[in-house]
Amino acid sequence: MNEGLQIHPMHSHGYYMSVTHKDGFPLEHPYKADVLNIAPGERYDVIIVADEPGVWAFHCHILTHAESPHGMFGMVTALIVNEA
């Protein structure tokens, strides 16, 4: 969900996102993406099948939204997948 006033092309490392819904409504044709551009006020539902162990970044592809000279911050998180 993008509650801000700027676009956020969200990028998933290591996995594709299966995009299933937009703004609460099911998509007629779900699709896979590794970058999903989310405009202000939009909400998407995605499914990620986390079957590859590792530490994977999920971040805004506008890098000034996710990093600074001091390191990562803001629109970035990590998906940590342990072996089963």
PDB file of N, CA and C in Angstrom:
ATOM      1  N   MET A   1       0.848  -1.173   0.000  1.00  0.00           N
ATOM      2  CA  MET A   1       0.000   0.000   0.000  1.00  0.00           C
ATOM      3  C   MET A   1       0.895   1.238   0.000  1.00  0.00           C
ATOM      4  N   ASN A   2       0.571   2.174  -0.835  1.00  0.00           N
ATOM      5  CA  ASN A   2       1.326   3.425  -0.916  1.00  0.00           C
ATOM      6  C   ASN A   2       0.466   4.539  -0.337  1.00  0.00           C
ATOM      7  N   GLU A   3       0.800   4.953   0.864  1.00  0.00           N
ATOM      8  CA  GLU A   3       0.069   6.034   1.523  1.00  0.00           C
ATOM      9  C   GLU A   3       0.726   7.385   1.310  1.00  0.00           C
ATOM     10  N   GLY A   4       1.812   7.420   0.529  1.00  0.00           N
ATOM     11  CA  GLY A   4       2.546   8.657   0.319  1.00  0.00           C
ATOM     12  C   GLY A   4       2.106   9.394  -0.929  1.00  0.00           C
ATOM     13  N   LEU A   5       2.939  10.352  -1.338  1.00  0.00           N
ATOM     14  CA  LEU A   5       2.628  11.208  -2.487  1.00  0.00           C
ATOM     15  C   LEU A   5       3.562  10.970  -3.673  1.00  0.00           C
ATOM     16  N   GLN A   6       4.431   9.951  -3.569  1.00  0.00           N
ATOM     17  CA  GLN A   6       5.355   9.647  -4.646  1.00  0.00           C
ATOM     18  C   GLN A   6       5.147   8.208  -5.115  1.00  0.00           C
ATOM     19  N   ILE A   7       5.590   7.916  -6.350  1.00  0.00           N
ATOM     20  CA  ILE A   7       5.536   6.536  -6.828  1.00  0.00           C
ATOM     21  C   ILE A   7       6.633   5.731  -6.141  1.00  0.00           C
ATOM     22  N   HIS A   8       6.398   4.426  -6.027  1.00  0.00           N
ATOM     23  CA  HIS A   8       7.393   3.524  -5.451  1.00  0.00           C
ATOM     24  C   HIS A   8       7.431   2.237  -6.275  1.00  0.00           C
ATOM     25  N   PRO A   9       8.418   2.104  -7.170  1.00  0.00           N
ATOM     26  CA  PRO A   9       8.596   0.840  -7.889  1.00  0.00           C
ATOM     27  C   PRO A   9       9.284  -0.164  -6.956  1.00  0.00           C
ATOM     28  N   MET A  10       8.495  -1.016  -6.335  1.00  0.00           N
ATOM     29  CA  MET A  10       9.003  -1.953  -5.334  1.00  0.00           C
ATOM     30  C   MET A  10       9.598  -3.176  -6.032  1.00  0.00           C
ATOM     31  N   HIS A  11      10.796  -3.553  -5.588  1.00  0.00           N
ATOM     32  CA  HIS A  11      11.576  -4.605  -6.240  1.00  0.00           C
ATOM     33  C   HIS A  11      11.883  -5.718  -5.244  1.00  0.00           C
ATOM     34  N   SER A  12      11.680  -6.941  -5.688  1.00  0.00           N
ATOM     35  CA  SER A  12      11.944  -8.123  -4.880  1.00  0.00           C
ATOM     36  C   SER A  12      13.170  -8.846  -5.413  1.00  0.00           C
ATOM     37  N   HIS A  13      14.198  -8.980  -4.584  1.00  0.00           N
ATOM     38  CA  HIS A  13      15.387  -9.752  -4.970  1.00  0.00           C
ATOM     39  C   HIS A  13      15.120 -11.236  -4.710  1.00  0.00           C
ATOM     40  N   GLY A  14      15.530 -12.080  -5.631  1.00  0.00           N
ATOM     41  CA  GLY A  14      15.472 -13.520  -5.413  1.00  0.00           C
ATOM     42  C   GLY A  14      14.141 -14.184  -5.723  1.00  0.00           C
ATOM     43  N   TYR A  15      13.090 -13.416  -5.818  1.00  0.00           N
ATOM     44  CA  TYR A  15      11.756 -13.994  -6.024  1.00  0.00           C
ATOM     45  C   TYR A  15      10.921 -13.106  -6.946  1.00  0.00           C
ATOM     46  N   TYR A  16      10.022 -13.744  -7.658  1.00  0.00           N
ATOM     47  CA  TYR A  16       8.982 -13.002  -8.363  1.00  0.00           C
ATOM     48  C   TYR A  16       7.782 -12.875  -7.447  1.00  0.00           C
ATOM     49  N   MET A  17       7.065 -11.782  -7.591  1.00  0.00           N
ATOM     50  CA  MET A  17       5.799 -11.592  -6.880  1.00  0.00           C
ATOM     51  C   MET A  17       4.671 -12.007  -7.828  1.00  0.00           C
ATOM     52  N   SER A  18       3.745 -12.811  -7.332  1.00  0.00           N
ATOM     53  CA  SER A  18       2.531 -13.106  -8.090  1.00  0.00           C
ATOM     54  C   SER A  18       1.507 -12.062  -7.686  1.00  0.00           C
ATOM     55  N   VAL A  19       1.201 -11.150  -8.599  1.00  0.00           N
ATOM     56  CA  VAL A  19       0.291 -10.035  -8.320  1.00  0.00           C
ATOM     57  C   VAL A  19      -1.134 -10.536  -8.552  1.00  0.00           C
ATOM     58  N   THR A  20      -1.942 -10.539  -7.476  1.00  0.00           N
ATOM     59  CA  THR A  20      -3.275 -11.151  -7.543  1.00  0.00           C
ATOM     60  C   THR A  20      -4.428 -10.155  -7.433  1.00  0.00           C
ATOM     61  N   HIS A  21      -4.211  -9.024  -6.742  1.00  0.00           N
ATOM     62  CA  HIS A  21      -5.280  -8.048  -6.510  1.00  0.00           C
ATOM     63  C   HIS A  21      -4.733  -6.628  -6.631  1.00  0.00           C
ATOM     64  N   LYS A  22      -5.582  -5.706  -7.047  1.00  0.00           N
ATOM     65  CA  LYS A  22      -5.258  -4.280  -7.044  1.00  0.00           C
ATOM     66  C   LYS A  22      -6.401  -3.538  -6.368  1.00  0.00           C
ATOM     67  N   ASP A  23      -6.051  -2.736  -5.369  1.00  0.00           N
ATOM     68  CA  ASP A  23      -7.033  -1.936  -4.632  1.00  0.00           C
ATOM     69  C   ASP A  23      -8.173  -2.788  -4.082  1.00  0.00           C
ATOM     70  N   GLY A  24      -7.848  -4.015  -3.662  1.00  0.00           N
ATOM     71  CA  GLY A  24      -8.822  -4.900  -3.039  1.00  0.00           C
ATOM     72  C   GLY A  24      -9.632  -5.748  -4.003  1.00  0.00           C
ATOM     73  N   PHE A  25      -9.422  -5.585  -5.289  1.00  0.00           N
ATOM     74  CA  PHE A  25     -10.194  -6.336  -6.281  1.00  0.00           C
ATOM     75  C   PHE A  25      -9.296  -7.362  -6.980  1.00  0.00           C
ATOM     76  N   PRO A  26      -9.797  -8.592  -7.160  1.00  0.00           N
ATOM     77  CA  PRO A  26      -8.995  -9.604  -7.859  1.00  0.00           C
ATOM     78  C   PRO A  26      -8.732  -9.195  -9.303  1.00  0.00           C
ATOM     79  N   LEU A  27      -7.521  -9.471  -9.760  1.00  0.00           N
ATOM     80  CA  LEU A  27      -7.189  -9.186 -11.157  1.00  0.00           C
ATOM     81  C   LEU A  27      -7.738 -10.280 -12.052  1.00  0.00           C
ATOM     82  N   GLU A  28      -8.273  -9.899 -13.189  1.00  0.00           N
ATOM     83  CA  GLU A  28      -8.780 -10.876 -14.151  1.00  0.00           C
ATOM     84  C   GLU A  28      -7.635 -11.738 -14.677  1.00  0.00           C
ATOM     85  N   HIS A  29      -6.455 -11.127 -14.807  1.00  0.00           N
ATOM     86  CA  HIS A  29      -5.281 -11.835 -15.296  1.00  0.00           C
ATOM     87  C   HIS A  29      -4.109 -11.583 -14.341  1.00  0.00           C
ATOM     88  N   PRO A  30      -3.999 -12.365 -13.254  1.00  0.00           N
ATOM     89  CA  PRO A  30      -2.839 -12.208 -12.365  1.00  0.00           C
ATOM     90  C   PRO A  30      -1.541 -12.381 -13.157  1.00  0.00           C
ATOM     91  N   TYR A  31      -0.482 -11.764 -12.654  1.00  0.00           N
ATOM     92  CA  TYR A  31       0.792 -11.816 -13.362  1.00  0.00           C
ATOM     93  C   TYR A  31       1.949 -11.843 -12.374  1.00  0.00           C
ATOM     94  N   LYS A  32       3.133 -12.189 -12.884  1.00  0.00           N
ATOM     95  CA  LYS A  32       4.340 -12.214 -12.066  1.00  0.00           C
ATOM     96  C   LYS A  32       5.179 -10.974 -12.375  1.00  0.00           C
ATOM     97  N   ALA A  33       5.832 -10.451 -11.337  1.00  0.00           N
ATOM     98  CA  ALA A  33       6.679  -9.269 -11.505  1.00  0.00           C
ATOM     99  C   ALA A  33       7.811  -9.321 -10.495  1.00  0.00           C
ATOM    100  N   ASP A  34       8.958  -8.751 -10.867  1.00  0.00           N
ATOM    101  CA  ASP A  34      10.003  -8.562  -9.861  1.00  0.00           C
ATOM    102  C   ASP A  34      10.093  -7.092  -9.460  1.00  0.00           C
ATOM    103  N   VAL A  35       9.433  -6.216 -10.223  1.00  0.00           N
ATOM    104  CA  VAL A  35       9.261  -4.814  -9.856  1.00  0.00           C
ATOM    105  C   VAL A  35       7.791  -4.471 -10.044  1.00  0.00           C
ATOM    106  N   LEU A  36       7.201  -3.862  -9.013  1.00  0.00           N
ATOM    107  CA  LEU A  36       5.787  -3.480  -9.063  1.00  0.00           C
ATOM    108  C   LEU A  36       5.696  -1.994  -8.760  1.00  0.00           C
ATOM    109  N   ASN A  37       5.288  -1.201  -9.757  1.00  0.00           N
ATOM    110  CA  ASN A  37       5.185   0.247  -9.598  1.00  0.00           C
ATOM    111  C   ASN A  37       3.880   0.586  -8.866  1.00  0.00           C
ATOM    112  N   ILE A  38       4.013   1.162  -7.677  1.00  0.00           N
ATOM    113  CA  ILE A  38       2.848   1.466  -6.844  1.00  0.00           C
ATOM    114  C   ILE A  38       2.698   2.977  -6.769  1.00  0.00           C
ATOM    115  N   ALA A  39       1.610   3.488  -7.330  1.00  0.00           N
ATOM    116  CA  ALA A  39       1.342   4.923  -7.346  1.00  0.00           C
ATOM    117  C   ALA A  39       0.689   5.350  -6.027  1.00  0.00           C
ATOM    118  N   PRO A  40       0.688   6.646  -5.736  1.00  0.00           N
ATOM    119  CA  PRO A  40       0.027   7.116  -4.517  1.00  0.00           C
ATOM    120  C   PRO A  40      -1.418   6.633  -4.444  1.00  0.00           C
ATOM    121  N   GLY A  41      -1.782   6.092  -3.284  1.00  0.00           N
ATOM    122  CA  GLY A  41      -3.145   5.617  -3.049  1.00  0.00           C
ATOM    123  C   GLY A  41      -3.426   4.210  -3.532  1.00  0.00           C
ATOM    124  N   GLU A  42      -2.500   3.574  -4.219  1.00  0.00           N
ATOM    125  CA  GLU A  42      -2.729   2.216  -4.713  1.00  0.00           C
ATOM    126  C   GLU A  42      -2.350   1.174  -3.668  1.00  0.00           C
ATOM    127  N   ARG A  43      -3.020   0.025  -3.784  1.00  0.00           N
ATOM    128  CA  ARG A  43      -2.712  -1.119  -2.924  1.00  0.00           C
ATOM    129  C   ARG A  43      -2.714  -2.364  -3.802  1.00  0.00           C
ATOM    130  N   TYR A  44      -1.718  -3.221  -3.587  1.00  0.00           N
ATOM    131  CA  TYR A  44      -1.628  -4.482  -4.308  1.00  0.00           C
ATOM    132  C   TYR A  44      -1.534  -5.631  -3.317  1.00  0.00           C
ATOM    133  N   ASP A  45      -2.077  -6.774  -3.706  1.00  0.00           N
ATOM    134  CA  ASP A  45      -1.862  -8.027  -2.982  1.00  0.00           C
ATOM    135  C   ASP A  45      -0.956  -8.877  -3.853  1.00  0.00           C
ATOM    136  N   VAL A  46       0.099  -9.409  -3.234  1.00  0.00           N
ATOM    137  CA  VAL A  46       1.024 -10.272  -3.956  1.00  0.00           C
ATOM    138  C   VAL A  46       1.302 -11.512  -3.120  1.00  0.00           C
ATOM    139  N   ILE A  47       1.692 -12.558  -3.807  1.00  0.00           N
ATOM    140  CA  ILE A  47       2.112 -13.798  -3.149  1.00  0.00           C
ATOM    141  C   ILE A  47       3.560 -14.055  -3.539  1.00  0.00           C
ATOM    142  N   ILE A  48       4.388 -14.326  -2.545  1.00  0.00           N
ATOM    143  CA  ILE A  48       5.774 -14.716  -2.776  1.00  0.00           C
ATOM    144  C   ILE A  48       5.946 -16.106  -2.181  1.00  0.00           C
ATOM    145  N   VAL A  49       6.377 -17.052  -2.995  1.00  0.00           N
ATOM    146  CA  VAL A  49       6.664 -18.397  -2.511  1.00  0.00           C
ATOM    147  C   VAL A  49       8.140 -18.407  -2.100  1.00  0.00           C
ATOM    148  N   ALA A  50       8.378 -18.338  -0.807  1.00  0.00           N
ATOM    149  CA  ALA A  50       9.734 -18.202  -0.271  1.00  0.00           C
ATOM    150  C   ALA A  50      10.358 -19.589  -0.112  1.00  0.00           C
ATOM    151  N   ASP A  51      10.864 -20.128  -1.209  1.00  0.00           N
ATOM    152  CA  ASP A  51      11.398 -21.494  -1.197  1.00  0.00           C
ATOM    153  C   ASP A  51      12.906 -21.543  -1.427  1.00  0.00           C
ATOM    154  N   GLU A  52      13.572 -20.397  -1.452  1.00  0.00           N
ATOM    155  CA  GLU A  52      15.016 -20.341  -1.657  1.00  0.00           C
ATOM    156  C   GLU A  52      15.669 -19.695  -0.436  1.00  0.00           C
ATOM    157  N   PRO A  53      16.401 -20.486   0.374  1.00  0.00           N
ATOM    158  CA  PRO A  53      17.011 -19.929   1.585  1.00  0.00           C
ATOM    159  C   PRO A  53      17.960 -18.773   1.283  1.00  0.00           C
ATOM    160  N   GLY A  54      17.996 -17.829   2.205  1.00  0.00           N
ATOM    161  CA  GLY A  54      18.901 -16.692   2.078  1.00  0.00           C
ATOM    162  C   GLY A  54      18.285 -15.447   2.670  1.00  0.00           C
ATOM    163  N   VAL A  55      18.978 -14.351   2.507  1.00  0.00           N
ATOM    164  CA  VAL A  55      18.495 -13.039   2.927  1.00  0.00           C
ATOM    165  C   VAL A  55      18.285 -12.223   1.663  1.00  0.00           C
ATOM    166  N   TRP A  56      17.042 -11.828   1.427  1.00  0.00           N
ATOM    167  CA  TRP A  56      16.654 -11.189   0.178  1.00  0.00           C
ATOM    168  C   TRP A  56      16.114  -9.790   0.452  1.00  0.00           C
ATOM    169  N   ALA A  57      16.587  -8.813  -0.308  1.00  0.00           N
ATOM    170  CA  ALA A  57      16.124  -7.431  -0.149  1.00  0.00           C
ATOM    171  C   ALA A  57      14.799  -7.226  -0.872  1.00  0.00           C
ATOM    172  N   PHE A  58      13.964  -6.398  -0.272  1.00  0.00           N
ATOM    173  CA  PHE A  58      12.721  -5.909  -0.888  1.00  0.00           C
ATOM    174  C   PHE A  58      12.754  -4.408  -0.678  1.00  0.00           C
ATOM    175  N   HIS A  59      12.824  -3.628  -1.786  1.00  0.00           N
ATOM    176  CA  HIS A  59      13.051  -2.200  -1.632  1.00  0.00           C
ATOM    177  C   HIS A  59      12.450  -1.415  -2.780  1.00  0.00           C
ATOM    178  N   CYS A  60      12.342  -0.112  -2.543  1.00  0.00           N
ATOM    179  CA  CYS A  60      11.928   0.809  -3.601  1.00  0.00           C
ATOM    180  C   CYS A  60      13.090   0.958  -4.568  1.00  0.00           C
ATOM    181  N   HIS A  61      12.805   0.898  -5.863  1.00  0.00           N
ATOM    182  CA  HIS A  61      13.855   0.997  -6.873  1.00  0.00           C
ATOM    183  C   HIS A  61      14.293   2.428  -7.121  1.00  0.00           C
ATOM    184  N   ILE A  62      13.636   3.401  -6.530  1.00  0.00           N
ATOM    185  CA  ILE A  62      14.157   4.768  -6.521  1.00  0.00           C
ATOM    186  C   ILE A  62      15.115   4.792  -5.336  1.00  0.00           C
ATOM    187  N   LEU A  63      16.389   4.648  -5.629  1.00  0.00           N
ATOM    188  CA  LEU A  63      17.353   4.343  -4.581  1.00  0.00           C
ATOM    189  C   LEU A  63      17.447   5.406  -3.499  1.00  0.00           C
ATOM    190  N   THR A  64      17.122   6.660  -3.808  1.00  0.00           N
ATOM    191  CA  THR A  64      17.131   7.676  -2.754  1.00  0.00           C
ATOM    192  C   THR A  64      16.020   7.447  -1.736  1.00  0.00           C
ATOM    193  N   HIS A  65      15.043   6.593  -2.060  1.00  0.00           N
ATOM    194  CA  HIS A  65      13.997   6.225  -1.098  1.00  0.00           C
ATOM    195  C   HIS A  65      14.459   5.093  -0.186  1.00  0.00           C
ATOM    196  N   ALA A  66      15.568   4.428  -0.542  1.00  0.00           N
ATOM    197  CA  ALA A  66      15.987   3.228   0.186  1.00  0.00           C
ATOM    198  C   ALA A  66      17.424   3.272   0.718  1.00  0.00           C
ATOM    199  N   GLU A  67      18.202   4.272   0.323  1.00  0.00           N
ATOM    200  CA  GLU A  67      19.570   4.316   0.812  1.00  0.00           C
ATOM    201  C   GLU A  67      20.058   5.751   0.919  1.00  0.00           C
ATOM    202  N   SER A  68      21.098   5.919   1.707  1.00  0.00           N
ATOM    203  CA  SER A  68      21.752   7.212   1.877  1.00  0.00           C
ATOM    204  C   SER A  68      23.254   6.963   1.922  1.00  0.00           C
ATOM    205  N   PRO A  69      24.049   8.004   2.048  1.00  0.00           N
ATOM    206  CA  PRO A  69      25.496   7.777   2.193  1.00  0.00           C
ATOM    207  C   PRO A  69      25.843   6.950   3.431  1.00  0.00           C
ATOM    208  N   HIS A  70      24.918   6.852   4.369  1.00  0.00           N
ATOM    209  CA  HIS A  70      25.154   6.121   5.617  1.00  0.00           C
ATOM    210  C   HIS A  70      24.619   4.689   5.577  1.00  0.00           C
ATOM    211  N   GLY A  71      24.051   4.268   4.463  1.00  0.00           N
ATOM    212  CA  GLY A  71      23.547   2.906   4.345  1.00  0.00           C
ATOM    213  C   GLY A  71      22.066   2.852   4.007  1.00  0.00           C
ATOM    214  N   MET A  72      21.508   1.649   4.131  1.00  0.00           N
ATOM    215  CA  MET A  72      20.099   1.418   3.789  1.00  0.00           C
ATOM    216  C   MET A  72      19.185   1.982   4.879  1.00  0.00           C
ATOM    217  N   PHE A  73      18.048   2.533   4.466  1.00  0.00           N
ATOM    218  CA  PHE A  73      17.052   3.073   5.389  1.00  0.00           C
ATOM    219  C   PHE A  73      15.742   3.205   4.626  1.00  0.00           C
ATOM    220  N   GLY A  74      14.681   3.552   5.296  1.00  0.00           N
ATOM    221  CA  GLY A  74      13.434   3.912   4.623  1.00  0.00           C
ATOM    222  C   GLY A  74      12.741   2.748   3.947  1.00  0.00           C
ATOM    223  N   MET A  75      12.564   2.825   2.643  1.00  0.00           N
ATOM    224  CA  MET A  75      11.738   1.882   1.891  1.00  0.00           C
ATOM    225  C   MET A  75      12.536   0.632   1.528  1.00  0.00           C
ATOM    226  N   VAL A  76      13.001  -0.074   2.551  1.00  0.00           N
ATOM    227  CA  VAL A  76      13.756  -1.304   2.336  1.00  0.00           C
ATOM    228  C   VAL A  76      13.501  -2.235   3.511  1.00  0.00           C
ATOM    229  N   THR A  77      13.419  -3.505   3.210  1.00  0.00           N
ATOM    230  CA  THR A  77      13.309  -4.528   4.248  1.00  0.00           C
ATOM    231  C   THR A  77      14.010  -5.775   3.736  1.00  0.00           C
ATOM    232  N   ALA A  78      14.153  -6.753   4.605  1.00  0.00           N
ATOM    233  CA  ALA A  78      14.790  -8.010   4.218  1.00  0.00           C
ATOM    234  C   ALA A  78      13.831  -9.163   4.453  1.00  0.00           C
ATOM    235  N   LEU A  79      13.781 -10.064   3.502  1.00  0.00           N
ATOM    236  CA  LEU A  79      13.033 -11.306   3.631  1.00  0.00           C
ATOM    237  C   LEU A  79      14.067 -12.378   3.983  1.00  0.00           C
ATOM    238  N   ILE A  80      13.996 -12.921   5.198  1.00  0.00           N
ATOM    239  CA  ILE A  80      14.943 -13.927   5.652  1.00  0.00           C
ATOM    240  C   ILE A  80      14.275 -15.292   5.554  1.00  0.00           C
ATOM    241  N   VAL A  81      14.840 -16.161   4.727  1.00  0.00           N
ATOM    242  CA  VAL A  81      14.272 -17.483   4.477  1.00  0.00           C
ATOM    243  C   VAL A  81      15.255 -18.527   4.988  1.00  0.00           C
ATOM    244  N   ASN A  82      14.840 -19.292   5.969  1.00  0.00           N
ATOM    245  CA  ASN A  82      15.665 -20.371   6.521  1.00  0.00           C
ATOM    246  C   ASN A  82      15.390 -21.676   5.790  1.00  0.00           C
ATOM    247  N   GLU A  83      16.341 -22.593   5.855  1.00  0.00           N
ATOM    248  CA  GLU A  83      16.133 -23.907   5.256  1.00  0.00           C
ATOM    249  C   GLU A  83      15.056 -24.646   6.039  1.00  0.00           C
ATOM    250  N   ALA A  84      14.268 -25.433   5.335  1.00  0.00           N
ATOM    251  CA  ALA A  84      13.167 -26.166   5.988  1.00  0.00           C
ATOM    252  C   ALA A  84      13.667 -27.289   6.843  1.00  0.00           C
TER     253      ALA A  84
END
